[in-house]
Protein backbone atom coordinates (compact mmCIF):
# COMPACT_ATOMS: atom_id res chain seq x y z
CA MET A 1 -3.42 5.08 18.78
CA PRO A 2 -0.52 2.58 18.81
CA ASP A 3 0.57 1.26 22.17
CA GLN A 4 4.25 1.12 23.16
CA ALA A 5 4.75 -2.18 21.28
CA GLY A 6 3.42 -0.59 18.07
CA ALA A 7 0.09 -2.42 17.97
CA ALA A 8 -3.04 -0.52 17.05
CA ALA A 9 -5.84 -0.12 19.56
CA ASP A 10 -8.80 -2.42 18.83
CA ASP A 11 -11.13 0.48 18.14
CA ALA A 12 -8.73 2.37 15.84
CA PRO A 13 -9.53 2.41 12.12
CA PRO A 14 -7.19 0.41 9.87
CA PRO A 15 -4.22 2.51 8.67
CA PHE A 16 -4.69 1.40 5.02
CA ARG A 17 -7.58 0.99 2.63
CA PHE A 18 -7.43 -1.94 0.22
CA PHE A 19 -10.19 -2.28 -2.37
CA PRO A 20 -10.77 -3.06 -6.08
CA ASP A 21 -9.36 -0.22 -8.17
CA PRO A 22 -12.25 1.52 -9.95
CA ASP A 23 -9.92 2.74 -12.72
CA LEU A 24 -7.99 -0.50 -13.40
CA PRO A 25 -10.01 -3.72 -13.62
CA GLY A 26 -8.11 -6.63 -12.06
CA TRP A 27 -6.06 -4.33 -9.80
CA HIS A 28 -6.58 -3.25 -6.18
CA ARG A 29 -6.04 0.23 -4.79
CA TRP A 30 -3.75 0.38 -1.73
CA GLU A 31 -3.76 3.67 0.12
CA MET A 32 -3.30 5.24 3.51
CA ALA A 33 -6.45 6.16 5.37
CA ASP A 34 -4.69 9.22 6.84
CA PRO A 35 -3.95 11.73 4.04
CA THR A 36 -1.23 13.42 6.09
CA ARG A 37 1.10 10.38 5.97
CA TYR A 38 4.09 9.97 3.62
CA ASN A 39 2.58 7.15 1.55
CA THR A 40 -0.09 9.51 0.24
CA PHE A 41 2.69 11.55 -1.42
CA LEU A 42 3.01 8.63 -3.87
CA ALA A 43 -0.72 7.99 -4.31
CA PRO A 44 -2.59 6.63 -6.07
CA LEU A 45 -1.00 3.18 -5.90
CA SER A 46 -2.54 0.12 -7.49
CA VAL A 47 -1.44 -3.48 -7.03
CA ARG A 48 -2.19 -6.89 -8.51
CA VAL A 49 -0.89 -10.44 -8.31
CA GLU A 50 1.11 -11.40 -11.40
CA ARG A 51 1.55 -15.06 -10.44
CA GLU A 52 2.42 -16.96 -7.28
CA GLY A 53 4.98 -15.01 -5.28
CA ARG A 54 4.97 -12.05 -7.69
CA ALA A 55 3.06 -8.79 -7.66
CA ARG A 56 2.99 -5.59 -9.68
CA VAL A 57 2.53 -2.16 -8.08
CA ARG A 58 1.64 0.88 -10.20
CA MET A 59 2.28 4.55 -9.46
CA VAL A 60 1.13 7.47 -11.57
CA PRO A 61 3.71 10.25 -11.09
CA GLN A 62 2.58 13.82 -10.54
CA ARG A 63 4.56 17.00 -11.16
CA ILE A 64 5.64 17.04 -7.50
CA HIS A 65 7.50 13.75 -8.14
CA SER A 66 9.56 15.23 -10.98
CA ASN A 67 13.00 16.77 -11.18
CA ILE A 68 14.10 19.56 -13.53
CA ARG A 69 14.65 17.02 -16.35
CA ASP A 70 10.96 16.00 -16.10
CA HIS A 71 12.02 12.58 -14.88
CA VAL A 72 10.68 11.00 -11.72
CA HIS A 73 13.07 12.17 -8.98
CA GLY A 74 15.36 9.44 -7.64
CA GLY A 75 14.06 10.02 -4.12
CA ALA A 76 10.49 9.46 -5.29
CA LEU A 77 11.58 6.24 -7.04
CA LEU A 78 13.29 5.03 -3.86
CA GLY A 79 10.19 5.87 -1.84
CA PHE A 80 8.06 4.05 -4.40
CA ALA A 81 10.31 0.96 -4.20
CA ASP A 82 9.99 0.96 -0.40
CA VAL A 83 6.21 1.37 -0.39
CA ALA A 84 5.82 -1.16 -3.25
CA VAL A 85 7.42 -3.82 -1.01
CA PHE A 86 4.51 -3.50 1.43
CA ALA A 87 1.77 -3.13 -1.18
CA ALA A 88 3.05 -6.36 -2.77
CA ALA A 89 3.25 -8.04 0.63
CA ARG A 90 -0.39 -7.11 1.29
CA ILE A 91 -1.75 -8.56 -1.95
CA LEU A 92 0.45 -11.67 -1.71
CA GLY A 93 -0.85 -12.35 1.80
CA ILE A 94 2.58 -12.02 3.43
CA ALA A 95 1.71 -9.15 5.75
CA ASP A 96 -1.50 -7.54 6.88
CA GLU A 97 -2.04 -3.83 7.14
CA GLY A 98 -0.19 -2.31 9.97
CA PHE A 99 3.12 -1.72 11.53
CA ALA A 100 5.63 -3.55 9.30
CA SER A 101 8.99 -1.88 8.67
CA THR A 102 11.88 -1.88 6.24
CA VAL A 103 15.06 -3.49 7.53
CA ASP A 104 17.15 -3.02 4.40
CA LEU A 105 16.63 -1.56 0.93
CA SER A 106 19.28 -1.49 -1.77
CA ALA A 107 18.70 0.07 -5.18
CA GLN A 108 20.52 0.57 -8.44
CA PHE A 109 19.40 3.29 -10.84
CA ILE A 110 19.43 1.97 -14.40
CA ASP A 111 17.62 4.65 -16.42
CA GLY A 112 15.43 7.69 -15.94
CA ALA A 113 11.66 7.44 -15.74
CA ASP A 114 9.56 9.99 -17.63
CA ALA A 115 7.38 11.81 -15.09
CA ALA A 116 4.51 11.97 -17.60
CA HIS A 117 3.89 8.19 -17.56
CA PRO A 118 3.12 5.53 -14.93
CA VAL A 119 5.89 3.44 -13.41
CA GLU A 120 5.41 -0.10 -12.15
CA ALA A 121 7.34 -2.14 -9.61
CA GLU A 122 7.58 -5.85 -10.36
CA VAL A 123 8.09 -7.40 -6.91
CA GLU A 124 9.12 -11.01 -6.30
CA LEU A 125 9.00 -12.74 -2.91
CA LEU A 126 12.29 -14.59 -2.39
CA ARG A 127 11.76 -15.94 1.12
CA GLU A 128 9.51 -15.53 4.11
CA THR A 129 10.29 -16.40 7.72
CA GLY A 130 8.24 -15.94 10.87
CA ARG A 131 9.15 -12.26 11.24
CA LEU A 132 10.87 -11.25 7.99
CA PHE A 133 10.39 -11.39 4.26
CA PHE A 134 12.87 -10.84 1.46
CA VAL A 135 12.02 -9.45 -1.98
CA ARG A 136 13.67 -8.24 -5.14
CA GLY A 137 12.12 -5.90 -7.61
CA LEU A 138 12.42 -3.92 -10.75
CA ILE A 139 10.79 -0.56 -11.40
CA VAL A 140 9.88 -0.38 -15.08
CA GLN A 141 8.28 2.12 -17.40
CA ASN A 142 6.77 0.84 -20.65
CA GLY A 143 8.73 -2.39 -20.17
CA ARG A 144 12.06 -0.55 -19.79
CA PRO A 145 14.00 -1.11 -16.50
CA CYS A 146 14.60 2.07 -14.48
CA VAL A 147 15.52 0.86 -10.97
CA SER A 148 16.51 -2.54 -9.59
CA PHE A 149 16.07 -3.15 -5.85
CA THR A 150 16.21 -5.72 -3.07
CA ALA A 151 14.64 -5.39 0.35
CA THR A 152 14.24 -7.10 3.69
CA ALA A 153 11.19 -6.20 5.75
CA ARG A 154 9.93 -7.09 9.19
CA LYS A 155 6.28 -8.08 9.52
């Protein structure tokens, strides 16, 4: 259980699992260990390094993520952008698993995303300081931009 400062007890299991994705060679699966947490609503998530300072995070939408137009709901896309920031940070070695938090997230919706196909967040590290990191990203589907975002996160 976290103490008052937000640190995990030494004997507590890690909050995330990070392992090679059995379905996507070259990718890693990033998932919450506790299935009752919000992040599992977006699962499964896969992540890989694209090149130095850049990562790609993949989400396979389910019907629960869709709106009545059969697009991925804007709220699900915003949630995906937020969670993609931390999945990218994990694979880029910016932040370990744990108690990081979003300071700021700004997004612009560009186009709808078909709920029947995966979406991917291309995340680029802009700067890292001792306690913060800054990223920008683009959620795409089949190479087509759907959402642009920027975020600041605390490690």
